[in-house]
Amino acid sequence: MAKRIVIVGKRGRLGAALAREFASRYDVIALGREDLDLSAPVAPQIVLPGFDAMLNCAAATNVDWCEQNPELAQRLNGEAAGELAEFCARRHARLIHVSTDYVFDGKTPGPLAEEVAPNPINRYGQSKWQGELAVLAASPDHLVVRVSWVFGPDRPSFIDQIIARAQSEPAVAAVADKWSAPSYTLDIAQWLHPVLLERPVSGILHLCNHGSCSWKEWAEVALAAARRLGNRLRTTEVAPLTLAGMKPFKASRPVHTVMATTKFQALAGLQPRPWQEAVAAYVDRQYQTA
């Protein structure tokens, strides 16, 4: 009999991918906003049969929105995560809670291990860190999975914005002095499988594609892949921008948030593929012209 998995956030970029990719392996129950309003106490809303694990992919992820709506961000990313964790603990089920590299202050250039102390510099990061603490306090069996720069086929991301811009505009630009690692949702689904129930892991785990890049480098690789497929682009050149020069940003962004995946590699016996390969695979899937 298939294990039953509950996925919260079924219409998000990651939640939608996990619901689809896990459907052949598990009995999946996927919940959206119409099923579960995280701005209200969650326990009275949840009517579920027995389940083995819950994946919480729901969050307020717009960094500037969180900066301008700190109380609601804290509710959605912090308090609601804790309530889900307590609910799962009472049901003797594991919670796998998705978090972010933005819990770090970005002052350390090297790959960040799970043991590095968080020190968020914006309201989004603060609310996500509070969610992590609440989840881990609810049960020693729960797992926090940190991801970064998530992209995938279910909702447009930075890659899609850059390609659309290059199709319609003669020049594009991206920040060149901020670094992290892209994370492909279809890869995340593969990485989660071995640590979900087969070899359950608790605590904190970093998951992202191998390597590091700036937004500018990410954009360049995506545009080169799109051009190779025959897409009509007005440019494949990406002009550099500085993080300090991004005046529309309401919230500060951490500069260096590349996460190490050494722990995951040791636990699962898998090494994430390079981010360049993941980006090329995504562009092949989404932008094939023939």
C-alpha atoms as a PDB file:
ATOM      1  CA  MET A   1       0.000   0.000   0.000  1.00  0.00           C
ATOM      2  CA  ALA A   2       1.395   3.386  -1.021  1.00  0.00           C
ATOM      3  CA  LYS A   3       2.439   5.803   1.681  1.00  0.00           C
ATOM      4  CA  ARG A   4       0.170   8.833   1.959  1.00  0.00           C
ATOM      5  CA  ILE A   5       1.751  12.268   1.540  1.00  0.00           C
ATOM      6  CA  VAL A   6       0.017  15.602   2.133  1.00  0.00           C
ATOM      7  CA  ILE A   7       1.367  18.559   0.140  1.00  0.00           C
ATOM      8  CA  VAL A   8       0.475  22.064   1.310  1.00  0.00           C
ATOM      9  CA  GLY A   9       0.790  24.726  -1.377  1.00  0.00           C
ATOM     10  CA  LYS A  10      -0.290  22.749  -4.427  1.00  0.00           C
ATOM     11  CA  ARG A  11      -0.305  25.736  -6.800  1.00  0.00           C
ATOM     12  CA  GLY A  12       3.111  27.075  -5.916  1.00  0.00           C
ATOM     13  CA  ARG A  13       6.171  26.513  -8.080  1.00  0.00           C
ATOM     14  CA  LEU A  14       7.507  23.714  -5.866  1.00  0.00           C
ATOM     15  CA  GLY A  15       4.257  22.349  -4.454  1.00  0.00           C
ATOM     16  CA  ALA A  16       2.763  21.794  -7.902  1.00  0.00           C
ATOM     17  CA  ALA A  17       5.896  19.994  -9.076  1.00  0.00           C
ATOM     18  CA  LEU A  18       5.997  17.731  -6.028  1.00  0.00           C
ATOM     19  CA  ALA A  19       2.296  16.885  -6.310  1.00  0.00           C
ATOM     20  CA  ARG A  20       2.791  15.809  -9.917  1.00  0.00           C
ATOM     21  CA  GLU A  21       6.142  14.034  -9.546  1.00  0.00           C
ATOM     22  CA  PHE A  22       5.110  12.155  -6.379  1.00  0.00           C
ATOM     23  CA  ALA A  23       1.754  10.969  -7.754  1.00  0.00           C
ATOM     24  CA  SER A  24       3.247   7.758  -9.159  1.00  0.00           C
ATOM     25  CA  ARG A  25       5.040   6.871  -5.913  1.00  0.00           C
ATOM     26  CA  TYR A  26       2.672   7.948  -3.161  1.00  0.00           C
ATOM     27  CA  ASP A  27      -0.975   8.475  -2.382  1.00  0.00           C
ATOM     28  CA  VAL A  28      -0.879  12.275  -2.657  1.00  0.00           C
ATOM     29  CA  ILE A  29      -3.329  14.696  -1.059  1.00  0.00           C
ATOM     30  CA  ALA A  30      -2.598  18.217  -2.325  1.00  0.00           C
ATOM     31  CA  LEU A  31      -4.003  21.276  -0.551  1.00  0.00           C
ATOM     32  CA  GLY A  32      -4.334  24.811  -1.914  1.00  0.00           C
ATOM     33  CA  ARG A  33      -5.494  28.101  -0.430  1.00  0.00           C
ATOM     34  CA  GLU A  34      -9.113  27.104  -0.898  1.00  0.00           C
ATOM     35  CA  ASP A  35      -8.474  24.073   1.329  1.00  0.00           C
ATOM     36  CA  LEU A  36      -6.246  25.687   3.944  1.00  0.00           C
ATOM     37  CA  ASP A  37      -6.035  29.385   4.809  1.00  0.00           C
ATOM     38  CA  LEU A  38      -2.716  29.880   6.579  1.00  0.00           C
ATOM     39  CA  SER A  39      -3.720  33.337   7.772  1.00  0.00           C
ATOM     40  CA  ALA A  40      -6.146  31.618  10.190  1.00  0.00           C
ATOM     41  CA  PRO A  41      -5.514  28.887  12.791  1.00  0.00           C
ATOM     42  CA  VAL A  42      -4.799  25.767  10.755  1.00  0.00           C
ATOM     43  CA  ALA A  43      -5.817  22.840  12.973  1.00  0.00           C
ATOM     44  CA  PRO A  44      -9.606  23.471  12.842  1.00  0.00           C
ATOM     45  CA  GLN A  45      -9.451  23.619   9.028  1.00  0.00           C
ATOM     46  CA  ILE A  46      -7.691  20.309   8.406  1.00  0.00           C
ATOM     47  CA  VAL A  47      -9.856  17.237   7.902  1.00  0.00           C
ATOM     48  CA  LEU A  48      -7.587  14.463   6.677  1.00  0.00           C
ATOM     49  CA  PRO A  49      -7.359  10.685   6.814  1.00  0.00           C
ATOM     50  CA  GLY A  50      -4.211   9.207   8.300  1.00  0.00           C
ATOM     51  CA  PHE A  51      -1.015  10.199   6.508  1.00  0.00           C
ATOM     52  CA  ASP A  52       2.687   9.434   6.764  1.00  0.00           C
ATOM     53  CA  ALA A  53       4.241  12.802   5.979  1.00  0.00           C
ATOM     54  CA  MET A  54       3.312  16.370   5.131  1.00  0.00           C
ATOM     55  CA  LEU A  55       5.323  18.655   2.844  1.00  0.00           C
ATOM     56  CA  ASN A  56       4.761  22.338   3.558  1.00  0.00           C
ATOM     57  CA  CYS A  57       5.600  24.290   0.401  1.00  0.00           C
ATOM     58  CA  ALA A  58       3.231  27.167   1.152  1.00  0.00           C
ATOM     59  CA  ALA A  59       4.772  30.529   2.020  1.00  0.00           C
ATOM     60  CA  ALA A  60       4.770  34.241   1.369  1.00  0.00           C
ATOM     61  CA  THR A  61       7.903  34.435  -0.801  1.00  0.00           C
ATOM     62  CA  ASN A  62       7.776  37.967  -2.232  1.00  0.00           C
ATOM     63  CA  VAL A  63      10.636  39.541  -0.302  1.00  0.00           C
ATOM     64  CA  ASP A  64       9.477  43.141  -0.712  1.00  0.00           C
ATOM     65  CA  TRP A  65       5.856  42.278   0.123  1.00  0.00           C
ATOM     66  CA  CYS A  66       7.033  40.659   3.360  1.00  0.00           C
ATOM     67  CA  GLU A  67       9.017  43.795   4.196  1.00  0.00           C
ATOM     68  CA  GLN A  68       5.877  45.890   3.844  1.00  0.00           C
ATOM     69  CA  ASN A  69       3.569  43.367   5.541  1.00  0.00           C
ATOM     70  CA  PRO A  70       5.693  41.995   8.398  1.00  0.00           C
ATOM     71  CA  GLU A  71       2.858  40.829  10.639  1.00  0.00           C
ATOM     72  CA  LEU A  72       1.133  38.829   7.912  1.00  0.00           C
ATOM     73  CA  ALA A  73       4.497  37.466   6.737  1.00  0.00           C
ATOM     74  CA  GLN A  74       5.203  36.306  10.279  1.00  0.00           C
ATOM     75  CA  ARG A  75       1.789  34.663  10.410  1.00  0.00           C
ATOM     76  CA  LEU A  76       2.117  32.844   7.064  1.00  0.00           C
ATOM     77  CA  ASN A  77       5.791  31.876   7.241  1.00  0.00           C
ATOM     78  CA  GLY A  78       6.293  31.535  10.971  1.00  0.00           C
ATOM     79  CA  GLU A  79       3.229  30.845  13.078  1.00  0.00           C
ATOM     80  CA  ALA A  80       1.356  28.747  10.507  1.00  0.00           C
ATOM     81  CA  ALA A  81       4.425  26.567   9.961  1.00  0.00           C
ATOM     82  CA  GLY A  82       4.583  25.908  13.686  1.00  0.00           C
ATOM     83  CA  GLU A  83       0.905  25.002  13.811  1.00  0.00           C
ATOM     84  CA  LEU A  84       1.312  22.546  10.940  1.00  0.00           C
ATOM     85  CA  ALA A  85       4.285  21.027  12.746  1.00  0.00           C
ATOM     86  CA  GLU A  86       2.298  20.576  15.948  1.00  0.00           C
ATOM     87  CA  PHE A  87      -0.627  19.086  14.021  1.00  0.00           C
ATOM     88  CA  CYS A  88       1.680  16.548  12.359  1.00  0.00           C
ATOM     89  CA  ALA A  89       3.320  15.673  15.668  1.00  0.00           C
ATOM     90  CA  ARG A  90      -0.087  14.931  17.198  1.00  0.00           C
ATOM     91  CA  ARG A  91      -0.869  12.689  14.224  1.00  0.00           C
ATOM     92  CA  HIS A  92       2.516  10.913  14.537  1.00  0.00           C
ATOM     93  CA  ALA A  93       3.461  12.082  11.035  1.00  0.00           C
ATOM     94  CA  ARG A  94       6.586  13.844   9.776  1.00  0.00           C
ATOM     95  CA  LEU A  95       6.565  17.411   8.519  1.00  0.00           C
ATOM     96  CA  ILE A  96       9.036  18.398   5.824  1.00  0.00           C
ATOM     97  CA  HIS A  97       9.032  22.193   5.860  1.00  0.00           C
ATOM     98  CA  VAL A  98      10.505  24.135   2.938  1.00  0.00           C
ATOM     99  CA  SER A  99      12.629  27.127   3.905  1.00  0.00           C
ATOM    100  CA  THR A 100      15.129  29.429   2.233  1.00  0.00           C
ATOM    101  CA  ASP A 101      18.725  30.587   1.915  1.00  0.00           C
ATOM    102  CA  TYR A 102      17.484  34.033   2.979  1.00  0.00           C
ATOM    103  CA  VAL A 103      17.766  33.005   6.622  1.00  0.00           C
ATOM    104  CA  PHE A 104      21.490  33.838   6.213  1.00  0.00           C
ATOM    105  CA  ASP A 105      22.989  37.329   6.289  1.00  0.00           C
ATOM    106  CA  GLY A 106      25.040  36.806   3.136  1.00  0.00           C
ATOM    107  CA  LYS A 107      28.355  37.876   4.625  1.00  0.00           C
ATOM    108  CA  THR A 108      30.130  34.514   4.148  1.00  0.00           C
ATOM    109  CA  PRO A 109      31.302  33.803   0.557  1.00  0.00           C
ATOM    110  CA  GLY A 110      31.917  30.057   0.959  1.00  0.00           C
ATOM    111  CA  PRO A 111      29.246  27.336   0.730  1.00  0.00           C
ATOM    112  CA  LEU A 112      27.109  27.437   3.868  1.00  0.00           C
ATOM    113  CA  ALA A 113      26.602  24.242   5.864  1.00  0.00           C
ATOM    114  CA  GLU A 114      23.459  23.484   7.848  1.00  0.00           C
ATOM    115  CA  GLU A 115      25.299  24.299  11.093  1.00  0.00           C
ATOM    116  CA  VAL A 116      25.925  27.949  10.143  1.00  0.00           C
ATOM    117  CA  ALA A 117      23.821  30.179  12.397  1.00  0.00           C
ATOM    118  CA  PRO A 118      21.017  32.066  10.625  1.00  0.00           C
ATOM    119  CA  ASN A 119      21.065  35.854  10.811  1.00  0.00           C
ATOM    120  CA  PRO A 120      18.374  37.155   8.445  1.00  0.00           C
ATOM    121  CA  ILE A 121      18.570  40.754   7.252  1.00  0.00           C
ATOM    122  CA  ASN A 122      14.989  41.217   6.045  1.00  0.00           C
ATOM    123  CA  ARG A 123      11.456  40.445   7.207  1.00  0.00           C
ATOM    124  CA  TYR A 124      11.081  37.538   4.807  1.00  0.00           C
ATOM    125  CA  GLY A 125      14.177  35.814   6.145  1.00  0.00           C
ATOM    126  CA  GLN A 126      13.160  36.557   9.722  1.00  0.00           C
ATOM    127  CA  SER A 127       9.703  35.065   9.246  1.00  0.00           C
ATOM    128  CA  LYS A 128      11.107  31.951   7.571  1.00  0.00           C
ATOM    129  CA  TRP A 129      13.653  31.466  10.347  1.00  0.00           C
ATOM    130  CA  GLN A 130      10.900  31.693  12.954  1.00  0.00           C
ATOM    131  CA  GLY A 131       9.050  29.025  11.002  1.00  0.00           C
ATOM    132  CA  GLU A 132      12.122  26.795  11.070  1.00  0.00           C
ATOM    133  CA  LEU A 133      12.469  27.170  14.838  1.00  0.00           C
ATOM    134  CA  ALA A 134       8.795  26.387  15.417  1.00  0.00           C
ATOM    135  CA  VAL A 135       8.894  23.305  13.182  1.00  0.00           C
ATOM    136  CA  LEU A 136      11.993  21.848  14.820  1.00  0.00           C
ATOM    137  CA  ALA A 137      10.620  22.546  18.305  1.00  0.00           C
ATOM    138  CA  ALA A 138       7.415  20.614  17.583  1.00  0.00           C
ATOM    139  CA  SER A 139       9.067  17.230  16.960  1.00  0.00           C
ATOM    140  CA  PRO A 140      12.553  15.731  16.686  1.00  0.00           C
ATOM    141  CA  ASP A 141      11.315  13.868  13.590  1.00  0.00           C
ATOM    142  CA  HIS A 142      10.532  16.963  11.516  1.00  0.00           C
ATOM    143  CA  LEU A 143      12.791  18.189   8.712  1.00  0.00           C
ATOM    144  CA  VAL A 144      13.532  21.700   7.446  1.00  0.00           C
ATOM    145  CA  VAL A 145      14.671  21.749   3.808  1.00  0.00           C
ATOM    146  CA  ARG A 146      16.320  24.960   2.635  1.00  0.00           C
ATOM    147  CA  VAL A 147      16.255  25.706  -1.089  1.00  0.00           C
ATOM    148  CA  SER A 148      17.398  28.690  -3.144  1.00  0.00           C
ATOM    149  CA  TRP A 149      16.458  30.424  -6.393  1.00  0.00           C
ATOM    150  CA  VAL A 150      13.732  27.919  -7.212  1.00  0.00           C
ATOM    151  CA  PHE A 151      12.653  27.512 -10.844  1.00  0.00           C
ATOM    152  CA  GLY A 152      10.446  25.014 -12.632  1.00  0.00           C
ATOM    153  CA  PRO A 153       7.651  24.474 -15.154  1.00  0.00           C
ATOM    154  CA  ASP A 154       4.642  25.184 -12.966  1.00  0.00           C
ATOM    155  CA  ARG A 155       5.031  28.924 -12.394  1.00  0.00           C
ATOM    156  CA  PRO A 156       7.172  31.513 -14.187  1.00  0.00           C
ATOM    157  CA  SER A 157      10.473  32.369 -12.514  1.00  0.00           C
ATOM    158  CA  PHE A 158      13.532  34.521 -13.138  1.00  0.00           C
ATOM    159  CA  ILE A 159      14.516  32.401 -16.162  1.00  0.00           C
ATOM    160  CA  ASP A 160      11.170  32.952 -17.868  1.00  0.00           C
ATOM    161  CA  GLN A 161      11.231  36.676 -17.149  1.00  0.00           C
ATOM    162  CA  ILE A 162      14.703  37.013 -18.672  1.00  0.00           C
ATOM    163  CA  ILE A 163      13.827  35.025 -21.801  1.00  0.00           C
ATOM    164  CA  ALA A 164      10.609  37.012 -22.288  1.00  0.00           C
ATOM    165  CA  ARG A 165      12.548  40.248 -21.936  1.00  0.00           C
ATOM    166  CA  ALA A 166      15.195  39.124 -24.437  1.00  0.00           C
ATOM    167  CA  GLN A 167      12.457  38.216 -26.908  1.00  0.00           C
ATOM    168  CA  SER A 168      10.894  41.674 -26.765  1.00  0.00           C
ATOM    169  CA  GLU A 169      13.671  44.095 -25.798  1.00  0.00           C
ATOM    170  CA  PRO A 170      17.055  44.915 -27.375  1.00  0.00           C
ATOM    171  CA  ALA A 171      18.893  44.899 -24.030  1.00  0.00           C
ATOM    172  CA  VAL A 172      18.545  43.034 -20.741  1.00  0.00           C
ATOM    173  CA  ALA A 173      20.365  43.402 -17.436  1.00  0.00           C
ATOM    174  CA  ALA A 174      20.686  41.481 -14.172  1.00  0.00           C
ATOM    175  CA  VAL A 175      22.441  41.851 -10.831  1.00  0.00           C
ATOM    176  CA  ALA A 176      26.058  40.689 -11.038  1.00  0.00           C
ATOM    177  CA  ASP A 177      27.156  41.016  -7.393  1.00  0.00           C
ATOM    178  CA  LYS A 178      24.797  38.634  -5.587  1.00  0.00           C
ATOM    179  CA  TRP A 179      25.441  34.878  -5.541  1.00  0.00           C
ATOM    180  CA  SER A 180      23.518  31.716  -4.697  1.00  0.00           C
ATOM    181  CA  ALA A 181      22.601  28.414  -6.395  1.00  0.00           C
ATOM    182  CA  PRO A 182      19.519  27.764  -8.559  1.00  0.00           C
ATOM    183  CA  SER A 183      17.265  24.848  -7.566  1.00  0.00           C
ATOM    184  CA  TYR A 184      15.212  23.028 -10.228  1.00  0.00           C
ATOM    185  CA  THR A 185      11.883  21.795  -8.868  1.00  0.00           C
ATOM    186  CA  LEU A 186      12.033  18.499 -10.779  1.00  0.00           C
ATOM    187  CA  ASP A 187      15.450  17.834  -9.262  1.00  0.00           C
ATOM    188  CA  ILE A 188      14.178  18.726  -5.783  1.00  0.00           C
ATOM    189  CA  ALA A 189      11.459  16.085  -6.182  1.00  0.00           C
ATOM    190  CA  GLN A 190      14.108  13.456  -6.955  1.00  0.00           C
ATOM    191  CA  TRP A 191      16.291  14.554  -4.036  1.00  0.00           C
ATOM    192  CA  LEU A 192      13.442  14.495  -1.533  1.00  0.00           C
ATOM    193  CA  HIS A 193      12.341  10.959  -2.329  1.00  0.00           C
ATOM    194  CA  PRO A 194      15.194   9.083  -0.583  1.00  0.00           C
ATOM    195  CA  VAL A 195      15.102  11.252   2.560  1.00  0.00           C
ATOM    196  CA  LEU A 196      11.324  11.478   2.835  1.00  0.00           C
ATOM    197  CA  LEU A 197      10.313   8.049   4.122  1.00  0.00           C
ATOM    198  CA  GLU A 198      12.843   5.454   2.922  1.00  0.00           C
ATOM    199  CA  ARG A 199      15.700   6.925   4.983  1.00  0.00           C
ATOM    200  CA  PRO A 200      13.941   9.628   6.970  1.00  0.00           C
ATOM    201  CA  VAL A 201      16.154  12.553   7.912  1.00  0.00           C
ATOM    202  CA  SER A 202      15.366  15.133  10.566  1.00  0.00           C
ATOM    203  CA  GLY A 203      16.805  18.513  11.472  1.00  0.00           C
ATOM    204  CA  ILE A 204      17.981  20.788   8.639  1.00  0.00           C
ATOM    205  CA  LEU A 205      19.000  19.850   5.099  1.00  0.00           C
ATOM    206  CA  HIS A 206      20.235  22.032   2.242  1.00  0.00           C
ATOM    207  CA  LEU A 207      19.044  21.177  -1.289  1.00  0.00           C
ATOM    208  CA  CYS A 208      20.124  23.042  -4.415  1.00  0.00           C
ATOM    209  CA  ASN A 209      21.868  22.382  -7.688  1.00  0.00           C
ATOM    210  CA  HIS A 210      25.660  22.183  -7.629  1.00  0.00           C
ATOM    211  CA  GLY A 211      27.778  25.291  -8.051  1.00  0.00           C
ATOM    212  CA  SER A 212      27.069  28.988  -7.679  1.00  0.00           C
ATOM    213  CA  CYS A 213      26.254  31.963  -9.856  1.00  0.00           C
ATOM    214  CA  SER A 214      25.063  35.531  -9.913  1.00  0.00           C
ATOM    215  CA  TRP A 215      21.706  36.523 -11.371  1.00  0.00           C
ATOM    216  CA  LYS A 216      23.652  37.803 -14.395  1.00  0.00           C
ATOM    217  CA  GLU A 217      25.372  34.433 -14.950  1.00  0.00           C
ATOM    218  CA  TRP A 218      22.078  32.606 -14.452  1.00  0.00           C
ATOM    219  CA  ALA A 219      20.476  34.797 -17.101  1.00  0.00           C
ATOM    220  CA  GLU A 220      23.351  34.284 -19.559  1.00  0.00           C
ATOM    221  CA  VAL A 221      23.143  30.488 -19.344  1.00  0.00           C
ATOM    222  CA  ALA A 222      19.355  30.552 -19.776  1.00  0.00           C
ATOM    223  CA  LEU A 223      19.532  32.827 -22.831  1.00  0.00           C
ATOM    224  CA  ALA A 224      22.293  30.760 -24.432  1.00  0.00           C
ATOM    225  CA  ALA A 225      20.178  27.615 -23.990  1.00  0.00           C
ATOM    226  CA  ALA A 226      17.122  29.316 -25.483  1.00  0.00           C
ATOM    227  CA  ARG A 227      19.133  30.572 -28.470  1.00  0.00           C
ATOM    228  CA  ARG A 228      20.514  27.058 -29.132  1.00  0.00           C
ATOM    229  CA  LEU A 229      16.945  25.803 -29.427  1.00  0.00           C
ATOM    230  CA  GLY A 230      16.192  28.337 -32.144  1.00  0.00           C
ATOM    231  CA  ASN A 231      14.214  30.808 -30.054  1.00  0.00           C
ATOM    232  CA  ARG A 232      14.151  34.294 -31.542  1.00  0.00           C
ATOM    233  CA  LEU A 233      15.957  36.531 -29.089  1.00  0.00           C
ATOM    234  CA  ARG A 234      16.869  40.157 -29.669  1.00  0.00           C
ATOM    235  CA  THR A 235      19.927  39.717 -27.460  1.00  0.00           C
ATOM    236  CA  THR A 236      21.829  37.145 -25.438  1.00  0.00           C
ATOM    237  CA  GLU A 237      24.033  39.757 -23.785  1.00  0.00           C
ATOM    238  CA  VAL A 238      23.272  40.576 -20.152  1.00  0.00           C
ATOM    239  CA  ALA A 239      24.442  43.906 -18.794  1.00  0.00           C
ATOM    240  CA  PRO A 240      25.600  43.969 -15.153  1.00  0.00           C
ATOM    241  CA  LEU A 241      23.617  45.682 -12.417  1.00  0.00           C
ATOM    242  CA  THR A 242      24.660  46.219  -8.805  1.00  0.00           C
ATOM    243  CA  LEU A 243      22.580  45.134  -5.843  1.00  0.00           C
ATOM    244  CA  ALA A 244      23.050  48.566  -4.280  1.00  0.00           C
ATOM    245  CA  GLY A 245      21.633  50.151  -7.402  1.00  0.00           C
ATOM    246  CA  MET A 246      18.344  48.243  -7.257  1.00  0.00           C
ATOM    247  CA  LYS A 247      16.255  51.164  -5.997  1.00  0.00           C
ATOM    248  CA  PRO A 248      12.874  49.414  -6.454  1.00  0.00           C
ATOM    249  CA  PHE A 249      13.853  46.865  -3.781  1.00  0.00           C
ATOM    250  CA  LYS A 250      12.147  47.616  -0.471  1.00  0.00           C
ATOM    251  CA  ALA A 251      14.078  44.949   1.447  1.00  0.00           C
ATOM    252  CA  SER A 252      17.786  44.237   1.757  1.00  0.00           C
ATOM    253  CA  ARG A 253      19.048  41.106   0.020  1.00  0.00           C
ATOM    254  CA  PRO A 254      21.867  38.908   1.359  1.00  0.00           C
ATOM    255  CA  VAL A 255      24.872  38.859  -0.989  1.00  0.00           C
ATOM    256  CA  HIS A 256      26.379  35.366  -0.549  1.00  0.00           C
ATOM    257  CA  THR A 257      23.918  32.532   0.164  1.00  0.00           C
ATOM    258  CA  VAL A 258      25.410  29.554  -1.656  1.00  0.00           C
ATOM    259  CA  MET A 259      24.504  26.471   0.380  1.00  0.00           C
ATOM    260  CA  ALA A 260      26.599  23.321   0.749  1.00  0.00           C
ATOM    261  CA  THR A 261      24.856  20.010  -0.014  1.00  0.00           C
ATOM    262  CA  THR A 262      27.544  17.777   1.501  1.00  0.00           C
ATOM    263  CA  LYS A 263      25.168  16.470   4.169  1.00  0.00           C
ATOM    264  CA  PHE A 264      22.556  15.473   1.598  1.00  0.00           C
ATOM    265  CA  GLN A 265      25.154  13.755  -0.584  1.00  0.00           C
ATOM    266  CA  ALA A 266      26.347  11.665   2.371  1.00  0.00           C
ATOM    267  CA  LEU A 267      22.813  10.728   3.440  1.00  0.00           C
ATOM    268  CA  ALA A 268      21.294   9.967   0.041  1.00  0.00           C
ATOM    269  CA  GLY A 269      24.310   8.910  -1.992  1.00  0.00           C
ATOM    270  CA  LEU A 270      23.320  11.433  -4.651  1.00  0.00           C
ATOM    271  CA  GLN A 271      25.110  14.505  -5.960  1.00  0.00           C
ATOM    272  CA  PRO A 272      22.975  17.311  -7.355  1.00  0.00           C
ATOM    273  CA  ARG A 273      23.790  18.031 -10.985  1.00  0.00           C
ATOM    274  CA  PRO A 274      25.384  21.382 -11.857  1.00  0.00           C
ATOM    275  CA  TRP A 275      22.983  24.300 -12.049  1.00  0.00           C
ATOM    276  CA  GLN A 276      23.971  24.890 -15.687  1.00  0.00           C
ATOM    277  CA  GLU A 277      22.718  21.403 -16.645  1.00  0.00           C
ATOM    278  CA  ALA A 278      19.494  21.918 -14.718  1.00  0.00           C
ATOM    279  CA  VAL A 279      18.847  25.259 -16.417  1.00  0.00           C
ATOM    280  CA  ALA A 280      19.513  23.721 -19.845  1.00  0.00           C
ATOM    281  CA  ALA A 281      17.122  20.851 -19.071  1.00  0.00           C
ATOM    282  CA  TYR A 282      14.412  23.293 -18.032  1.00  0.00           C
ATOM    283  CA  VAL A 283      14.836  25.463 -21.109  1.00  0.00           C
ATOM    284  CA  ASP A 284      14.766  22.336 -23.315  1.00  0.00           C
ATOM    285  CA  ARG A 285      11.474  21.343 -21.702  1.00  0.00           C
ATOM    286  CA  GLN A 286       9.796  24.738 -21.846  1.00  0.00           C
ATOM    287  CA  TYR A 287      11.194  26.435 -24.937  1.00  0.00           C
ATOM    288  CA  GLN A 288      11.645  23.683 -27.528  1.00  0.00           C
ATOM    289  CA  THR A 289      10.815  25.222 -30.922  1.00  0.00           C
ATOM    290  CA  ALA A 290      10.549  22.083 -33.051  1.00  0.00           C
END
